[in-house]
């Protein structure tokens, strides 16, 4: 059955761990489902072989041009952050226990040529079709956009009304509310520097079972420099878990009117960073040099007397990569080669 969210978030995955998949295949470029190039040269997921998980990342569109039958495989999980498209009349048959998870920004397309006969079935039952006509259409039909899920036994362990992450005076305020909870053990607030690799940041106890509105609050008092990503991981008492949508926080802004010049020092074992401001600075400036992961390499405070530039001297070499320099509220990226 279609889960109507109206601002609610999909929080359903009835499987024990994101690391439980023994085999997976990921689309590496847009293309037809039945072409190996689409899957980075790996075997096409057509049932020979079987994959536990099939992943379509954001920005990639996979087109089903021939019907795909995976019913001889174990339960299959399909994660769609990009687009899963169908040619007219094509079908995707999945075995019992399978699901199709559509993330925010992802979607199912109804097919080319105006057809309405595309179908996704799970365990022999149709859960989605391109057309919404007829006496008894499937629970989901027409073009679908995430967050949404196709599955046999969908349930919402919590009814999440919202999750927010907002920066205020150097602290990221993390707030969320639940309208109801069922078997909810705890939450992890997770943080990421790139939106793909996540760390558990803050643990927060859940209410267990509740039918009343509960507001939660926590804080990240040491946010990363530049852009960072936050999400909520909800864990049931049986170990099942699910995620909220991702929130993006900018700790400082990258100003185009600020010039940041970087040059090697005379000492080959160190670096000199020259920061030039578009306007003179009168007063204290807090300087931080850090990796994009947030790890601080150098920090100090300077008092400027109507000066427009600062020199930072590092007494050790810095590996090639992208770094951030922060001077009070101003942040600029710097590239070391």
Protein backbone atom coordinates (compact mmCIF):
# COMPACT_ATOMS: atom_id res chain seq x y z
CA UNK A 1 0.00 0.00 0.00
CA UNK A 2 1.27 3.48 -0.79
CA UNK A 3 2.59 5.22 2.29
CA UNK A 4 1.40 8.84 2.35
CA UNK A 5 3.92 11.04 4.06
CA UNK A 6 2.74 14.64 3.74
CA UNK A 7 6.00 15.82 5.16
CA UNK A 8 6.62 12.53 6.97
CA UNK A 9 9.77 10.62 6.10
CA UNK A 10 10.19 7.05 5.01
CA UNK A 11 11.63 5.21 7.96
CA UNK A 12 11.17 1.58 6.94
CA UNK A 13 13.76 -1.10 6.37
CA UNK A 14 12.86 -4.39 7.98
CA UNK A 15 16.32 -5.87 7.70
CA UNK A 16 19.04 -6.15 10.27
CA UNK A 17 21.93 -4.13 8.87
CA UNK A 18 23.14 -2.13 5.90
CA UNK A 19 26.18 -4.39 5.95
CA UNK A 20 24.19 -7.62 5.73
CA UNK A 21 24.21 -7.81 1.93
CA UNK A 22 26.57 -10.51 0.73
CA UNK A 23 26.50 -9.36 -2.90
CA UNK A 24 25.47 -6.15 -4.57
CA UNK A 25 25.66 -4.44 -7.93
CA UNK A 26 25.65 -0.69 -8.56
CA UNK A 27 24.80 1.17 -11.74
CA UNK A 28 27.81 3.25 -12.74
CA UNK A 29 26.27 5.04 -15.72
CA UNK A 30 22.88 5.60 -17.29
CA UNK A 31 21.81 2.88 -19.68
CA UNK A 32 19.72 -0.22 -20.26
CA UNK A 33 19.24 -2.70 -17.41
CA UNK A 34 20.37 -5.59 -19.61
CA UNK A 35 23.74 -4.06 -20.58
CA UNK A 36 26.89 -4.81 -18.58
CA UNK A 37 28.24 -1.27 -19.15
CA UNK A 38 25.37 0.05 -17.04
CA UNK A 39 26.67 -1.99 -14.10
CA UNK A 40 30.34 -1.12 -14.44
CA UNK A 41 31.16 -4.32 -16.32
CA UNK A 42 29.60 -6.61 -13.70
CA UNK A 43 27.10 -9.27 -14.70
CA UNK A 44 23.61 -7.95 -15.44
CA UNK A 45 21.19 -8.51 -12.52
CA UNK A 46 18.80 -10.69 -14.51
CA UNK A 47 18.55 -13.65 -12.14
CA UNK A 48 21.75 -15.30 -13.34
CA UNK A 49 23.50 -14.30 -11.15
CA UNK A 50 21.36 -13.14 -8.22
CA UNK A 51 22.27 -10.09 -6.15
CA UNK A 52 21.11 -9.26 -2.65
CA UNK A 53 21.02 -5.55 -3.44
CA UNK A 54 20.75 -3.51 -6.62
CA UNK A 55 21.69 0.17 -6.34
CA UNK A 56 20.85 3.02 -8.71
CA UNK A 57 22.70 6.13 -7.45
CA UNK A 58 21.57 9.72 -7.82
CA UNK A 59 22.06 11.15 -11.30
CA UNK A 60 21.83 7.76 -13.01
CA UNK A 61 18.81 6.49 -14.98
CA UNK A 62 18.40 2.78 -15.69
CA UNK A 63 15.93 1.72 -18.39
CA UNK A 64 14.25 -1.69 -18.39
CA UNK A 65 13.90 -2.59 -22.07
CA UNK A 66 13.16 -6.30 -21.56
CA UNK A 67 11.12 -7.86 -18.75
CA UNK A 68 13.30 -8.87 -15.79
CA UNK A 69 12.35 -11.93 -13.69
CA UNK A 70 14.25 -12.37 -10.43
CA UNK A 71 11.76 -14.72 -8.72
CA UNK A 72 14.28 -17.58 -8.64
CA UNK A 73 16.57 -15.41 -6.49
CA UNK A 74 16.50 -14.79 -2.74
CA UNK A 75 14.85 -11.59 -1.50
CA UNK A 76 16.22 -8.64 -3.48
CA UNK A 77 16.57 -5.06 -2.29
CA UNK A 78 16.53 -2.32 -4.89
CA UNK A 79 17.67 1.17 -3.83
CA UNK A 80 16.75 3.98 -6.21
CA UNK A 81 18.32 7.41 -5.69
CA UNK A 82 18.34 8.09 -9.44
CA UNK A 83 15.66 6.88 -11.85
CA UNK A 84 14.27 3.46 -12.73
CA UNK A 85 12.52 3.74 -16.09
CA UNK A 86 10.49 1.25 -18.15
CA UNK A 87 9.83 0.84 -21.82
CA UNK A 88 6.16 0.27 -22.55
CA UNK A 89 4.93 -3.18 -21.53
CA UNK A 90 8.01 -4.28 -19.57
CA UNK A 91 7.81 -5.88 -16.13
CA UNK A 92 10.04 -6.37 -13.09
CA UNK A 93 9.22 -9.54 -11.09
CA UNK A 94 10.78 -9.76 -7.62
CA UNK A 95 10.77 -12.68 -5.14
CA UNK A 96 9.05 -12.73 -1.75
CA UNK A 97 10.63 -10.48 0.87
CA UNK A 98 11.93 -7.99 -1.70
CA UNK A 99 11.45 -4.24 -1.64
CA UNK A 100 12.09 -1.21 -3.83
CA UNK A 101 13.26 1.79 -1.79
CA UNK A 102 12.96 5.15 -3.54
CA UNK A 103 14.95 7.92 -1.90
CA UNK A 104 14.26 11.65 -2.07
CA UNK A 105 15.25 12.76 -5.56
CA UNK A 106 14.73 9.28 -7.00
CA UNK A 107 11.77 8.01 -8.95
CA UNK A 108 9.97 5.40 -11.05
CA UNK A 109 9.04 6.48 -14.55
CA UNK A 110 5.97 5.15 -16.29
CA UNK A 111 7.68 4.30 -19.56
CA UNK A 112 8.08 5.54 -23.11
CA UNK A 113 5.36 5.71 -25.71
CA UNK A 114 2.60 6.59 -23.26
CA UNK A 115 2.11 2.99 -22.22
CA UNK A 116 0.46 2.03 -18.93
CA UNK A 117 1.29 -1.69 -18.70
CA UNK A 118 4.64 -1.51 -16.89
CA UNK A 119 4.46 -3.49 -13.65
CA UNK A 120 6.56 -4.24 -10.57
CA UNK A 121 5.46 -7.35 -8.73
CA UNK A 122 6.71 -8.86 -5.46
CA UNK A 123 5.97 -12.50 -4.70
CA UNK A 124 3.49 -12.69 -7.55
CA UNK A 125 1.46 -9.64 -6.46
CA UNK A 126 1.54 -6.39 -8.40
CA UNK A 127 2.65 -3.47 -6.22
CA UNK A 128 3.07 -0.84 -8.92
CA UNK A 129 1.91 -0.23 -12.46
CA UNK A 130 2.38 2.65 -14.84
CA UNK A 131 -1.37 3.00 -15.39
CA UNK A 132 -3.87 3.84 -12.67
CA UNK A 133 -6.99 2.82 -14.59
CA UNK A 134 -9.04 -0.35 -14.44
CA UNK A 135 -11.20 -1.87 -11.73
CA UNK A 136 -8.40 -2.74 -9.31
CA UNK A 137 -5.07 -1.00 -9.95
CA UNK A 138 -2.09 -1.89 -7.73
CA UNK A 139 -1.60 0.05 -4.50
CA UNK A 140 0.94 2.30 -6.28
CA UNK A 141 0.59 3.52 -9.84
CA UNK A 142 1.80 6.23 -12.13
CA UNK A 143 5.07 8.09 -11.80
CA UNK A 144 6.50 7.73 -8.27
CA UNK A 145 8.97 10.03 -6.58
CA UNK A 146 10.75 9.44 -3.31
CA UNK A 147 10.78 9.09 -0.47
CA UNK A 148 8.58 6.01 -0.90
CA UNK A 149 8.82 2.25 -0.77
CA UNK A 150 7.27 -0.80 -2.43
CA UNK A 151 7.19 -3.78 -0.09
CA UNK A 152 4.94 -6.57 1.15
CA UNK A 153 4.84 -5.68 4.84
CA UNK A 154 5.65 -2.02 5.21
CA UNK A 155 5.39 -0.56 8.66
CA UNK A 156 6.43 2.68 10.27
CA UNK A 157 8.15 1.95 13.60
CA UNK A 158 7.90 5.68 14.29
CA UNK A 159 5.79 8.43 12.80
CA UNK A 160 8.39 11.14 12.32
CA UNK A 161 6.98 14.65 11.96
CA UNK A 162 10.28 16.28 11.11
CA UNK A 163 14.05 16.37 11.52
CA UNK A 164 16.07 19.57 11.32
CA UNK A 165 19.70 20.61 11.68
CA UNK A 166 20.39 24.34 11.96
CA UNK A 167 23.53 26.27 12.82
CA UNK A 168 23.32 29.00 15.46
CA UNK A 169 26.31 30.73 17.07
CA UNK A 170 28.67 27.90 16.19
CA UNK A 171 26.37 25.11 17.41
CA UNK A 172 24.23 22.84 15.23
CA UNK A 173 20.81 22.42 16.83
CA UNK A 174 19.27 19.04 16.02
CA UNK A 175 15.52 18.72 16.52
CA UNK A 176 12.97 16.07 15.65
CA UNK A 177 9.46 15.08 16.70
CA UNK A 178 7.51 11.84 16.65
CA UNK A 179 3.72 11.52 16.64
CA UNK A 180 3.90 7.85 17.64
CA UNK A 181 6.51 5.19 18.37
CA UNK A 182 6.30 1.40 18.37
CA UNK A 183 9.20 -0.65 19.72
CA UNK A 184 11.58 2.31 19.26
CA UNK A 185 14.82 1.60 21.15
CA UNK A 186 17.11 4.55 20.36
CA UNK A 187 18.31 7.11 17.83
CA UNK A 188 21.74 7.85 16.43
CA UNK A 189 22.36 11.29 14.99
CA UNK A 190 24.83 10.66 12.19
CA UNK A 191 27.14 13.15 10.49
CA UNK A 192 28.96 13.06 7.16
CA UNK A 193 31.42 15.23 5.30
CA UNK A 194 30.31 14.01 1.87
CA UNK A 195 26.78 12.63 2.29
CA UNK A 196 27.92 9.05 1.67
CA UNK A 197 30.25 8.05 4.51
CA UNK A 198 28.59 8.45 7.90
CA UNK A 199 29.75 8.47 11.52
CA UNK A 200 27.63 7.90 14.62
CA UNK A 201 27.78 11.26 16.40
CA UNK A 202 25.15 11.45 19.17
CA UNK A 203 23.14 8.65 20.82
CA UNK A 204 19.65 9.46 22.07
CA UNK A 205 17.23 7.15 23.89
CA UNK A 206 13.86 6.43 22.28
CA UNK A 207 10.47 6.31 24.02
CA UNK A 208 9.78 2.63 23.26
CA UNK A 209 6.03 2.84 22.68
CA UNK A 210 4.12 6.09 22.56
CA UNK A 211 0.96 7.54 21.03
CA UNK A 212 1.65 11.14 21.98
CA UNK A 213 3.74 13.92 20.47
CA UNK A 214 7.38 13.81 21.64
CA UNK A 215 9.90 16.54 20.84
CA UNK A 216 13.61 15.66 20.84
CA UNK A 217 16.60 17.99 20.90
CA UNK A 218 20.36 17.58 20.83
CA UNK A 219 23.39 19.62 19.78
CA UNK A 220 26.58 19.24 17.82
CA UNK A 221 28.91 21.63 19.63
CA UNK A 222 31.88 20.86 17.41
CA UNK A 223 30.55 21.10 13.85
CA UNK A 224 32.74 20.56 10.85
CA UNK A 225 34.03 23.46 8.79
CA UNK A 226 32.22 24.11 5.56
CA UNK A 227 29.38 21.82 4.44
CA UNK A 228 28.36 18.84 6.53
CA UNK A 229 25.42 16.45 6.44
CA UNK A 230 23.18 15.13 9.22
CA UNK A 231 20.59 12.38 9.37
CA UNK A 232 18.69 10.45 12.02
CA UNK A 233 19.07 6.68 12.35
CA UNK A 234 16.21 5.06 14.25
CA UNK A 235 16.78 1.58 15.73
CA UNK A 236 14.01 -0.77 16.89
CA UNK A 237 14.25 -3.05 19.89
CA UNK A 238 14.65 -5.98 17.47
CA UNK A 239 17.63 -4.31 15.78
CA UNK A 240 15.81 -3.19 12.61
CA UNK A 241 16.62 0.38 11.63
CA UNK A 242 15.66 3.18 9.30
CA UNK A 243 16.82 6.68 8.36
CA UNK A 244 15.42 10.17 8.07
CA UNK A 245 16.06 12.50 5.18
CA UNK A 246 19.46 14.18 5.10
CA UNK A 247 19.93 17.78 6.22
CA UNK A 248 22.80 19.99 5.05
CA UNK A 249 24.54 22.57 7.26
CA UNK A 250 27.00 25.22 6.12
CA UNK A 251 29.37 26.25 8.91
CA UNK A 252 30.53 29.54 7.43
CA UNK A 253 30.25 30.75 3.87
CA UNK A 254 32.66 30.65 0.95
CA UNK A 255 32.90 34.27 -0.08
CA UNK A 256 33.77 35.11 -3.66
CA UNK A 257 35.13 38.53 -2.62
CA UNK A 258 37.75 36.95 -0.38
CA UNK A 259 41.04 36.07 -2.03
CA UNK A 260 43.03 33.21 -0.62
CA UNK A 261 46.55 32.76 -1.96
CA UNK A 262 48.63 29.67 -1.15
CA UNK A 263 52.31 29.22 -1.91
CA UNK A 264 55.10 26.88 -0.81
CA UNK A 265 57.46 28.32 1.76
CA UNK A 266 61.21 28.42 1.27
CA UNK A 267 61.40 25.48 3.63
CA UNK A 268 60.34 22.43 1.67
CA UNK A 269 59.06 20.78 4.86
CA UNK A 270 56.36 23.42 5.41
CA UNK A 271 53.81 25.69 3.76
CA UNK A 272 52.90 29.35 3.89
CA UNK A 273 49.28 30.40 3.50
CA UNK A 274 48.60 34.02 2.63
CA UNK A 275 45.03 35.23 3.26
CA UNK A 276 44.05 38.50 1.62
CA UNK A 277 40.78 40.16 2.64
CA UNK A 278 38.72 42.46 0.45
CA UNK A 279 38.35 44.90 3.38
CA UNK A 280 40.73 45.84 6.19
CA UNK A 281 40.27 43.97 9.46
CA UNK A 282 40.55 45.77 12.81
CA UNK A 283 40.41 43.44 15.79
CA UNK A 284 40.88 39.80 16.70
CA UNK A 285 40.76 37.09 14.06
CA UNK A 286 40.51 33.41 14.89
CA UNK A 287 42.35 31.31 12.31
CA UNK A 288 41.72 27.63 11.69
CA UNK A 289 43.31 25.42 9.05
CA UNK A 290 41.59 22.04 8.72
CA UNK A 291 40.95 19.11 6.45
CA UNK A 292 37.54 18.82 4.84
CA UNK A 293 36.75 16.09 7.37
CA UNK A 294 36.92 18.73 10.09
CA UNK A 295 40.25 17.61 11.59
CA UNK A 296 42.07 20.77 12.70
CA UNK A 297 45.69 20.98 11.54
CA UNK A 298 46.52 24.46 12.83
CA UNK A 299 44.68 27.10 14.86
CA UNK A 300 45.63 30.44 16.38
CA UNK A 301 44.30 33.92 17.14
CA UNK A 302 45.67 37.15 15.72
CA UNK A 303 44.91 40.82 16.43
CA UNK A 304 44.94 42.93 13.27
CA UNK A 305 45.29 46.70 13.10
CA UNK A 306 43.38 47.68 9.96
CA UNK A 307 45.26 45.06 7.98
CA UNK A 308 44.09 43.27 4.83
CA UNK A 309 46.21 40.16 4.92
CA UNK A 310 47.46 37.40 7.22
CA UNK A 311 50.26 34.88 6.81
CA UNK A 312 50.01 31.42 8.35
CA UNK A 313 53.20 29.38 8.44
CA UNK A 314 52.92 25.62 8.84
CA UNK A 315 56.02 23.86 10.12
CA UNK A 316 55.16 20.50 8.61
CA UNK A 317 54.26 19.24 5.14
CA UNK A 318 50.64 18.85 4.13
CA UNK A 319 49.40 15.99 1.99
CA UNK A 320 47.87 16.79 -1.37
CA UNK A 321 44.15 17.46 -1.19
CA UNK A 322 41.45 20.01 -0.41
CA UNK A 323 41.53 21.95 2.87
CA UNK A 324 39.60 24.76 4.50
CA UNK A 325 40.90 27.98 6.02
CA UNK A 326 38.60 29.83 8.39
CA UNK A 327 39.10 33.41 9.55
CA UNK A 328 36.27 34.22 11.96
CA UNK A 329 33.08 33.68 9.91
CA UNK A 330 34.86 33.58 6.54
CA UNK A 331 35.82 30.24 5.05
CA UNK A 332 37.73 29.51 1.87
CA UNK A 333 38.93 26.29 0.26
CA UNK A 334 42.56 25.75 -0.53
CA UNK A 335 44.13 23.11 -2.74
CA UNK A 336 47.49 21.54 -1.98
CA UNK A 337 49.22 19.61 -4.76
